C-alpha atoms as a PDB file:
ATOM      1  CA  MET A   1     183.714 144.728  86.979  1.00  0.00           C
ATOM      2  CA  ARG A   2     183.609 140.927  86.902  1.00  0.00           C
ATOM      3  CA  GLN A   3     181.876 140.872  90.243  1.00  0.00           C
ATOM      4  CA  PHE A   4     179.288 143.392  88.957  1.00  0.00           C
ATOM      5  CA  ASN A   5     178.603 141.098  85.972  1.00  0.00           C
ATOM      6  CA  ILE A   6     178.210 138.092  88.307  1.00  0.00           C
ATOM      7  CA  LEU A   7     175.866 140.050  90.487  1.00  0.00           C
ATOM      8  CA  ILE A   8     173.709 141.065  87.481  1.00  0.00           C
ATOM      9  CA  VAL A   9     173.562 137.484  86.095  1.00  0.00           C
ATOM     10  CA  THR A  10     172.651 136.189  89.602  1.00  0.00           C
ATOM     11  CA  PHE A  11     169.879 138.762  89.871  1.00  0.00           C
ATOM     12  CA  MET A  12     168.500 137.870  86.367  1.00  0.00           C
ATOM     13  CA  VAL A  13     168.405 134.154  87.228  1.00  0.00           C
ATOM     14  CA  PHE A  14     166.837 134.772  90.553  1.00  0.00           C
ATOM     15  CA  SER A  15     164.201 136.926  89.015  1.00  0.00           C
ATOM     16  CA  ALA A  16     163.385 134.407  86.280  1.00  0.00           C
ATOM     17  CA  CYS A  17     162.973 131.648  88.841  1.00  0.00           C
ATOM     18  CA  MET A  18     160.737 133.841  90.908  1.00  0.00           C
ATOM     19  CA  ALA A  19     158.573 134.661  87.946  1.00  0.00           C
ATOM     20  CA  GLN A  20     158.221 131.006  87.013  1.00  0.00           C
ATOM     21  CA  ASN A  21     157.209 130.099  90.643  1.00  0.00           C
ATOM     22  CA  LYS A  22     154.784 132.904  90.976  1.00  0.00           C
ATOM     23  CA  PRO A  23     151.469 131.493  92.140  1.00  0.00           C
ATOM     24  CA  LEU A  24     148.767 131.694  89.517  1.00  0.00           C
ATOM     25  CA  VAL A  25     146.347 133.745  91.784  1.00  0.00           C
ATOM     26  CA  ASN A  26     144.298 134.773  88.743  1.00  0.00           C
ATOM     27  CA  ALA A  27     143.732 131.167  87.717  1.00  0.00           C
ATOM     28  CA  LYS A  28     140.872 131.026  90.167  1.00  0.00           C
ATOM     29  CA  ALA A  29     137.521 132.454  89.410  1.00  0.00           C
ATOM     30  CA  SER A  30     137.394 136.214  90.391  1.00  0.00           C
ATOM     31  CA  GLN A  31     133.711 135.768  91.355  1.00  0.00           C
ATOM     32  CA  ILE A  32     131.157 133.050  91.744  1.00  0.00           C
ATOM     33  CA  ASP A  33     127.623 134.170  91.123  1.00  0.00           C
ATOM     34  CA  GLY A  34     124.874 131.578  91.437  1.00  0.00           C
ATOM     35  CA  GLY A  35     127.087 128.788  90.235  1.00  0.00           C
ATOM     36  CA  ASN A  36     128.548 130.826  87.406  1.00  0.00           C
ATOM     37  CA  ALA A  37     132.283 131.427  87.507  1.00  0.00           C
ATOM     38  CA  TYR A  38     133.817 134.695  86.282  1.00  0.00           C
ATOM     39  CA  PHE A  39     137.460 135.025  85.231  1.00  0.00           C
ATOM     40  CA  GLY A  40     138.710 138.641  84.825  1.00  0.00           C
ATOM     41  CA  THR A  41     136.100 141.401  84.691  1.00  0.00           C
ATOM     42  CA  HIS A  42     132.530 140.665  85.791  1.00  0.00           C
ATOM     43  CA  PHE A  43     130.055 141.504  83.050  1.00  0.00           C
ATOM     44  CA  ALA A  44     126.315 141.230  82.340  1.00  0.00           C
ATOM     45  CA  ASP A  45     125.382 138.122  80.515  1.00  0.00           C
ATOM     46  CA  ALA A  46     122.564 139.797  78.501  1.00  0.00           C
ATOM     47  CA  ASP A  47     122.615 140.523  74.699  1.00  0.00           C
ATOM     48  CA  VAL A  48     125.211 137.818  74.056  1.00  0.00           C
ATOM     49  CA  LEU A  49     125.805 136.736  70.405  1.00  0.00           C
ATOM     50  CA  THR A  50     125.868 133.195  69.313  1.00  0.00           C
ATOM     51  CA  SER A  51     129.036 131.844  67.877  1.00  0.00           C
ATOM     52  CA  ALA A  52     127.447 131.782  64.413  1.00  0.00           C
ATOM     53  CA  GLU A  53     126.422 135.439  64.722  1.00  0.00           C
ATOM     54  CA  MET A  54     130.036 136.182  65.862  1.00  0.00           C
ATOM     55  CA  ARG A  55     131.404 134.303  62.886  1.00  0.00           C
ATOM     56  CA  GLY A  56     129.247 136.474  60.604  1.00  0.00           C
ATOM     57  CA  ASN A  57     130.752 139.579  62.225  1.00  0.00           C
ATOM     58  CA  TYR A  58     134.313 138.248  61.708  1.00  0.00           C
ATOM     59  CA  GLU A  59     133.572 137.529  58.067  1.00  0.00           C
ATOM     60  CA  LYS A  60     132.843 141.206  57.532  1.00  0.00           C
ATOM     61  CA  MET A  61     136.017 142.402  59.222  1.00  0.00           C
ATOM     62  CA  SER A  62     139.404 143.196  57.832  1.00  0.00           C
ATOM     63  CA  THR A  63     142.773 143.212  59.709  1.00  0.00           C
ATOM     64  CA  LYS A  64     142.383 146.784  60.546  1.00  0.00           C
ATOM     65  CA  ASP A  65     139.010 146.445  62.267  1.00  0.00           C
ATOM     66  CA  THR A  66     138.144 145.861  65.939  1.00  0.00           C
ATOM     67  CA  MET A  67     134.676 145.228  67.399  1.00  0.00           C
ATOM     68  CA  ALA A  68     133.565 145.326  71.000  1.00  0.00           C
ATOM     69  CA  SER A  69     131.695 142.000  71.411  1.00  0.00           C
ATOM     70  CA  LYS A  70     130.196 139.483  73.840  1.00  0.00           C
ATOM     71  CA  PHE A  71     129.506 136.001  72.591  1.00  0.00           C
ATOM     72  CA  SER A  72     129.124 132.464  73.687  1.00  0.00           C
ATOM     73  CA  GLY A  73     131.110 129.553  72.145  1.00  0.00           C
ATOM     74  CA  LEU A  74     132.276 126.017  72.765  1.00  0.00           C
ATOM     75  CA  VAL A  75     135.888 125.691  74.037  1.00  0.00           C
ATOM     76  CA  THR A  76     137.894 123.445  71.672  1.00  0.00           C
ATOM     77  CA  GLU A  77     141.436 123.970  73.033  1.00  0.00           C
ATOM     78  CA  VAL A  78     143.152 125.541  76.013  1.00  0.00           C
ATOM     79  CA  CYS A  79     146.755 126.281  76.644  1.00  0.00           C
ATOM     80  CA  LYS A  80     148.143 123.243  78.343  1.00  0.00           C
ATOM     81  CA  VAL A  81     150.949 125.235  80.008  1.00  0.00           C
ATOM     82  CA  LYS A  82     148.908 127.576  82.130  1.00  0.00           C
ATOM     83  CA  GLY A  83     145.523 128.399  80.708  1.00  0.00           C
ATOM     84  CA  CYS A  84     146.703 131.656  79.065  1.00  0.00           C
ATOM     85  CA  TRP A  85     144.668 131.279  75.890  1.00  0.00           C
ATOM     86  CA  MET A  86     141.749 129.278  74.506  1.00  0.00           C
ATOM     87  CA  LYS A  87     140.095 128.631  71.163  1.00  0.00           C
ATOM     88  CA  LEU A  88     136.354 128.850  70.668  1.00  0.00           C
ATOM     89  CA  GLN A  89     134.321 127.135  67.943  1.00  0.00           C
ATOM     90  CA  LEU A  90     132.473 129.566  65.547  1.00  0.00           C
ATOM     91  CA  GLY A  91     130.947 126.864  63.288  1.00  0.00           C
ATOM     92  CA  ASP A  92     131.625 126.029  59.641  1.00  0.00           C
ATOM     93  CA  GLY A  93     135.142 124.839  60.646  1.00  0.00           C
ATOM     94  CA  LYS A  94     136.097 128.260  61.966  1.00  0.00           C
ATOM     95  CA  GLU A  95     137.378 129.155  65.376  1.00  0.00           C
ATOM     96  CA  THR A  96     138.737 132.136  67.242  1.00  0.00           C
ATOM     97  CA  MET A  97     141.850 132.376  69.396  1.00  0.00           C
ATOM     98  CA  VAL A  98     141.052 134.107  72.701  1.00  0.00           C
ATOM     99  CA  LYS A  99     143.753 135.728  74.723  1.00  0.00           C
ATOM    100  CA  PHE A 100     143.291 137.525  77.969  1.00  0.00           C
ATOM    101  CA  LYS A 101     143.725 141.365  78.354  1.00  0.00           C
ATOM    102  CA  ASP A 102     147.062 142.328  79.661  1.00  0.00           C
ATOM    103  CA  TYR A 103     147.791 138.653  80.425  1.00  0.00           C
ATOM    104  CA  GLY A 104     145.761 139.519  83.540  1.00  0.00           C
ATOM    105  CA  PHE A 105     144.014 136.209  84.259  1.00  0.00           C
ATOM    106  CA  PHE A 106     144.065 132.556  83.116  1.00  0.00           C
ATOM    107  CA  VAL A 107     141.293 130.012  82.773  1.00  0.00           C
ATOM    108  CA  PRO A 108     141.093 126.439  83.895  1.00  0.00           C
ATOM    109  CA  LYS A 109     142.866 124.046  81.534  1.00  0.00           C
ATOM    110  CA  GLU A 110     139.929 121.624  81.823  1.00  0.00           C
ATOM    111  CA  LEU A 111     137.480 123.825  79.844  1.00  0.00           C
ATOM    112  CA  VAL A 112     137.540 121.880  76.548  1.00  0.00           C
ATOM    113  CA  GLY A 113     134.004 120.918  75.707  1.00  0.00           C
ATOM    114  CA  LYS A 114     132.374 123.607  77.827  1.00  0.00           C
ATOM    115  CA  GLU A 115     130.347 126.526  76.799  1.00  0.00           C
ATOM    116  CA  VAL A 116     131.735 129.962  77.832  1.00  0.00           C
ATOM    117  CA  ILE A 117     130.840 133.568  77.260  1.00  0.00           C
ATOM    118  CA  VAL A 118     133.630 136.005  76.476  1.00  0.00           C
ATOM    119  CA  ASN A 119     133.537 139.826  76.740  1.00  0.00           C
ATOM    120  CA  GLY A 120     136.020 141.979  74.937  1.00  0.00           C
ATOM    121  CA  LEU A 121     137.410 143.037  71.628  1.00  0.00           C
ATOM    122  CA  ALA A 122     137.229 141.017  68.368  1.00  0.00           C
ATOM    123  CA  PHE A 123     139.761 141.486  65.585  1.00  0.00           C
ATOM    124  CA  VAL A 124     141.321 139.796  62.648  1.00  0.00           C
ATOM    125  CA  GLU A 125     145.114 139.312  62.661  1.00  0.00           C
ATOM    126  CA  GLU A 126     147.840 138.059  60.394  1.00  0.00           C
ATOM    127  CA  MET A 127     149.691 135.536  62.626  1.00  0.00           C
ATOM    128  CA  ASN A 128     153.277 134.763  61.663  1.00  0.00           C
ATOM    129  CA  VAL A 129     154.898 131.354  61.661  1.00  0.00           C
ATOM    130  CA  LYS A 130     156.789 131.921  64.866  1.00  0.00           C
ATOM    131  CA  ASP A 131     153.655 132.743  66.867  1.00  0.00           C
ATOM    132  CA  GLN A 132     151.632 129.881  65.270  1.00  0.00           C
ATOM    133  CA  ARG A 133     154.459 127.404  66.369  1.00  0.00           C
ATOM    134  CA  HIS A 134     154.568 128.936  69.876  1.00  0.00           C
ATOM    135  CA  TYR A 135     150.790 128.282  70.256  1.00  0.00           C
ATOM    136  CA  ALA A 136     151.041 124.808  68.718  1.00  0.00           C
ATOM    137  CA  ARG A 137     153.759 123.934  71.271  1.00  0.00           C
ATOM    138  CA  ASP A 138     151.572 125.325  74.123  1.00  0.00           C
ATOM    139  CA  ALA A 139     148.827 123.038  72.806  1.00  0.00           C
ATOM    140  CA  GLY A 140     150.937 120.007  72.955  1.00  0.00           C
ATOM    141  CA  LYS A 141     151.180 119.403  69.248  1.00  0.00           C
ATOM    142  CA  SER A 142     153.829 116.983  67.927  1.00  0.00           C
ATOM    143  CA  ASP A 143     157.167 118.125  66.443  1.00  0.00           C
ATOM    144  CA  GLU A 144     156.001 117.023  63.067  1.00  0.00           C
ATOM    145  CA  GLU A 145     152.779 119.131  63.366  1.00  0.00           C
ATOM    146  CA  ILE A 146     154.787 122.195  64.494  1.00  0.00           C
ATOM    147  CA  ALA A 147     157.336 121.799  61.653  1.00  0.00           C
ATOM    148  CA  ALA A 148     154.403 121.699  59.069  1.00  0.00           C
ATOM    149  CA  ILE A 149     153.544 125.324  60.013  1.00  0.00           C
ATOM    150  CA  ILE A 150     155.394 127.138  57.249  1.00  0.00           C
ATOM    151  CA  ASN A 151     153.064 130.166  56.295  1.00  0.00           C
ATOM    152  CA  ALA A 152     151.550 133.126  58.019  1.00  0.00           C
ATOM    153  CA  GLU A 153     147.801 132.877  58.330  1.00  0.00           C
ATOM    154  CA  THR A 154     144.809 135.271  58.747  1.00  0.00           C
ATOM    155  CA  LYS A 155     143.153 134.343  62.044  1.00  0.00           C
ATOM    156  CA  TYR A 156     140.090 135.431  63.921  1.00  0.00           C
ATOM    157  CA  ALA A 157     141.174 136.650  67.316  1.00  0.00           C
ATOM    158  CA  PHE A 158     139.657 137.977  70.562  1.00  0.00           C
ATOM    159  CA  GLU A 159     141.083 139.857  73.541  1.00  0.00           C
ATOM    160  CA  ALA A 160     138.824 139.028  76.497  1.00  0.00           C
ATOM    161  CA  ASP A 161     138.608 141.221  79.522  1.00  0.00           C
ATOM    162  CA  GLY A 162     136.248 138.701  81.094  1.00  0.00           C
ATOM    163  CA  VAL A 163     135.182 135.091  80.705  1.00  0.00           C
ATOM    164  CA  LEU A 164     131.978 133.615  82.187  1.00  0.00           C
ATOM    165  CA  ILE A 165     131.656 129.810  82.697  1.00  0.00           C
ATOM    166  CA  LYS A 166     127.997 129.011  83.150  1.00  0.00           C
ATOM    167  CA  GLU A 167     127.131 126.126  85.393  1.00  0.00           C
END
């Protein structure tokens, strides 16, 4: 039985190491089209809402609502660990946290300050303290800033199936 347990633990450690060393194949653009880079699903860049229009849509939503949307926004923050989320400015001090559908792709960590178009599903969520602290850690916040997070917050969120970086 002891050998079996050692075998199981060895397998788990090996699997974890392999997962961490897995190449980020999806961190590269899935398609380059006339200087534009697509991450995730390719989508038409017509009928795109502005970030202000999207903010207006969010303001009408409750935590039970979802809305298929496509909008442009300025990137204010990207996960420093692997580019697995980003925040987009909506105006009036508001922003939305963009995560990627099924963790299926990542974006370059150097996107801060660039305009992107996201395609996917907008929703409003109640984010607990644990998740807020996790994202703060990913963003490189200080221990003091992380410790100051003590309450759940209602956040604007977006699950993108595609991201377009216009050149």
